[in-house]
Amino acid sequence: MALTPPVARTLHDVGLAAWFGGSLMGVTGLNGALDAVGDPAERERLAGAGWGGWGRIGTAATAAHLLGGAGLLARDAVRRREPGVAAAAATRTALTGAALAASAWAGALGRRAATPDGPDAALRRRIRVAEWAVPVATGAAVVAGALRRT
């Protein structure tokens, strides 16, 4: 069954909004609060619990975004000759791919950090970069979607 354009757009936009907002809250709110925890083992335990709780919601948000995006790509296939449609679809697809890669990278690094002593300084820096890459990529996708509608 094909998704209707309003359903596809809703899944795409709501999923992206949740993915962006959740990742931004994690790197600013959760990680900011964890910086106040002095014990590295306790900080890592709390980080795992916080990011782990987001994991199921983030996965659902990402899945909704991808499902809606697939519906929009199918719709755009018949409109690809209209000015800007192919370029906009390629841009949104590339940004979604970057956000997926950043999410996977952040998750893999986070799992590596789950040690009794916590991550070393180099791993901690890589984790921060990976975690910030997610809201940067998803935020860029939000902007790309807004620009396409103007």
Protein backbone atom coordinates (compact mmCIF):
# COMPACT_ATOMS: atom_id res chain seq x y z
CA MET A 1 0.00 0.00 0.00
CA ALA A 2 1.45 3.35 -1.02
CA LEU A 3 1.58 6.18 1.49
CA THR A 4 -0.56 9.18 0.64
CA PRO A 5 1.41 12.45 0.41
CA PRO A 6 0.00 13.87 3.69
CA VAL A 7 0.79 10.65 5.59
CA ALA A 8 4.27 10.43 4.06
CA ARG A 9 4.96 14.10 4.81
CA THR A 10 3.73 13.70 8.40
CA LEU A 11 5.87 10.61 9.07
CA HIS A 12 8.86 12.29 7.44
CA ASP A 13 8.55 15.59 9.31
CA VAL A 14 7.48 14.32 12.74
CA GLY A 15 10.14 11.60 12.66
CA LEU A 16 12.82 14.12 11.69
CA ALA A 17 11.66 16.61 14.33
CA ALA A 18 11.85 13.97 17.07
CA TRP A 19 15.24 12.72 15.83
CA PHE A 20 16.64 16.27 15.75
CA GLY A 21 15.10 17.38 19.05
CA GLY A 22 16.03 14.24 20.95
CA SER A 23 19.62 14.27 19.79
CA LEU A 24 19.97 17.99 20.52
CA MET A 25 18.50 17.56 24.00
CA GLY A 26 20.87 14.66 24.60
CA VAL A 27 24.03 16.54 23.72
CA THR A 28 22.99 19.72 25.52
CA GLY A 29 20.72 18.67 28.39
CA LEU A 30 21.78 15.14 29.26
CA ASN A 31 25.49 15.57 28.58
CA GLY A 32 25.47 18.98 30.26
CA ALA A 33 23.98 17.46 33.40
CA LEU A 34 26.45 14.57 33.30
CA ASP A 35 29.36 17.02 33.31
CA ALA A 36 28.39 17.81 36.91
CA VAL A 37 28.87 14.17 37.99
CA GLY A 38 32.37 13.82 39.44
CA ASP A 39 32.72 10.03 39.48
CA PRO A 40 33.58 8.73 35.97
CA ALA A 41 31.94 5.34 36.59
CA GLU A 42 28.71 6.96 37.78
CA ARG A 43 28.79 9.41 34.85
CA GLU A 44 29.08 6.52 32.38
CA ARG A 45 26.31 4.57 34.13
CA LEU A 46 23.98 7.56 33.95
CA ALA A 47 24.97 8.32 30.34
CA GLY A 48 24.18 4.73 29.37
CA ALA A 49 20.82 4.90 31.12
CA GLY A 50 19.90 8.26 29.57
CA TRP A 51 20.99 7.50 26.02
CA GLY A 52 19.63 3.94 26.33
CA GLY A 53 16.20 5.32 27.22
CA TRP A 54 16.31 7.54 24.15
CA GLY A 55 17.38 4.63 21.96
CA ARG A 56 13.92 3.11 21.45
CA ILE A 57 12.29 6.49 20.81
CA GLY A 58 15.12 7.57 18.53
CA THR A 59 14.85 4.36 16.56
CA ALA A 60 11.10 4.84 16.14
CA ALA A 61 11.61 8.48 15.09
CA THR A 62 14.27 7.48 12.58
CA ALA A 63 12.09 4.69 11.20
CA ALA A 64 9.12 7.06 10.81
CA HIS A 65 11.36 9.59 9.03
CA LEU A 66 12.72 6.91 6.68
CA LEU A 67 9.28 5.48 5.92
CA GLY A 68 7.88 8.92 5.20
CA GLY A 69 10.96 9.80 3.17
CA ALA A 70 10.50 6.69 1.04
CA GLY A 71 6.92 7.77 0.35
CA LEU A 72 8.08 11.25 -0.63
CA LEU A 73 10.80 9.83 -2.88
CA ALA A 74 8.19 7.66 -4.61
CA ARG A 75 6.03 10.74 -5.13
CA ASP A 76 9.02 12.74 -6.35
CA ALA A 77 9.85 10.04 -8.91
CA VAL A 78 6.90 11.17 -10.99
CA ARG A 79 7.77 14.84 -10.43
CA ARG A 80 11.52 14.56 -11.02
CA ARG A 81 11.45 16.74 -14.14
CA GLU A 82 9.99 19.70 -12.26
CA PRO A 83 12.63 22.34 -11.48
CA GLY A 84 14.56 21.56 -8.30
CA VAL A 85 12.78 18.32 -7.40
CA ALA A 86 15.67 15.95 -8.19
CA ALA A 87 18.25 18.18 -6.51
CA ALA A 88 16.09 18.60 -3.39
CA ALA A 89 15.52 14.84 -3.16
CA ALA A 90 19.25 14.17 -3.54
CA THR A 91 20.07 16.75 -0.86
CA ARG A 92 17.54 15.34 1.60
CA THR A 93 18.74 11.80 0.93
CA ALA A 94 22.39 12.77 1.47
CA LEU A 95 21.58 14.57 4.72
CA THR A 96 19.54 11.61 5.97
CA GLY A 97 22.44 9.30 5.11
CA ALA A 98 24.84 11.55 7.03
CA ALA A 99 22.50 11.58 10.04
CA LEU A 100 22.17 7.80 9.95
CA ALA A 101 25.95 7.39 9.76
CA ALA A 102 26.48 9.86 12.62
CA SER A 103 23.85 8.10 14.75
CA ALA A 104 25.49 4.71 14.15
CA TRP A 105 28.94 6.15 14.84
CA ALA A 106 27.81 7.81 18.09
CA GLY A 107 26.12 4.60 19.22
CA ALA A 108 29.17 2.46 18.46
CA LEU A 109 31.48 4.85 20.30
CA GLY A 110 29.07 4.99 23.23
CA ARG A 111 29.11 1.20 23.50
CA ARG A 112 32.93 1.27 23.47
CA ALA A 113 32.86 3.78 26.33
CA ALA A 114 30.81 1.47 28.56
CA THR A 115 33.74 0.39 30.74
CA PRO A 116 34.08 0.59 34.54
CA ASP A 117 36.60 3.45 34.22
CA GLY A 118 34.75 5.26 31.44
CA PRO A 119 36.28 6.37 28.16
CA ASP A 120 39.75 7.83 27.84
CA ALA A 121 40.11 11.47 26.77
CA ALA A 122 40.54 10.66 23.07
CA LEU A 123 37.42 8.48 22.96
CA ARG A 124 35.46 11.10 24.92
CA ARG A 125 36.37 13.72 22.27
CA ARG A 126 35.30 11.41 19.42
CA ILE A 127 32.01 10.72 21.21
CA ARG A 128 31.31 14.46 21.58
CA VAL A 129 31.98 15.04 17.88
CA ALA A 130 29.79 12.09 16.87
CA GLU A 131 26.97 13.14 19.20
CA TRP A 132 27.00 16.70 17.83
CA ALA A 133 27.09 15.44 14.24
CA VAL A 134 23.57 14.00 14.63
CA PRO A 135 21.70 17.25 15.42
CA VAL A 136 23.85 19.10 12.87
CA ALA A 137 22.88 16.66 10.10
CA THR A 138 19.22 16.40 11.13
CA GLY A 139 19.00 20.18 11.60
CA ALA A 140 20.38 20.65 8.09
CA ALA A 141 17.71 18.23 6.83
CA VAL A 142 15.02 20.32 8.54
CA VAL A 143 16.37 23.44 6.81
CA ALA A 144 16.52 21.64 3.45
CA GLY A 145 12.89 20.61 3.84
CA ALA A 146 11.84 24.15 4.75
CA LEU A 147 13.70 25.62 1.78
CA ARG A 148 12.00 23.19 -0.60
CA ARG A 149 8.58 24.37 0.55
CA THR A 150 9.24 28.06 -0.04
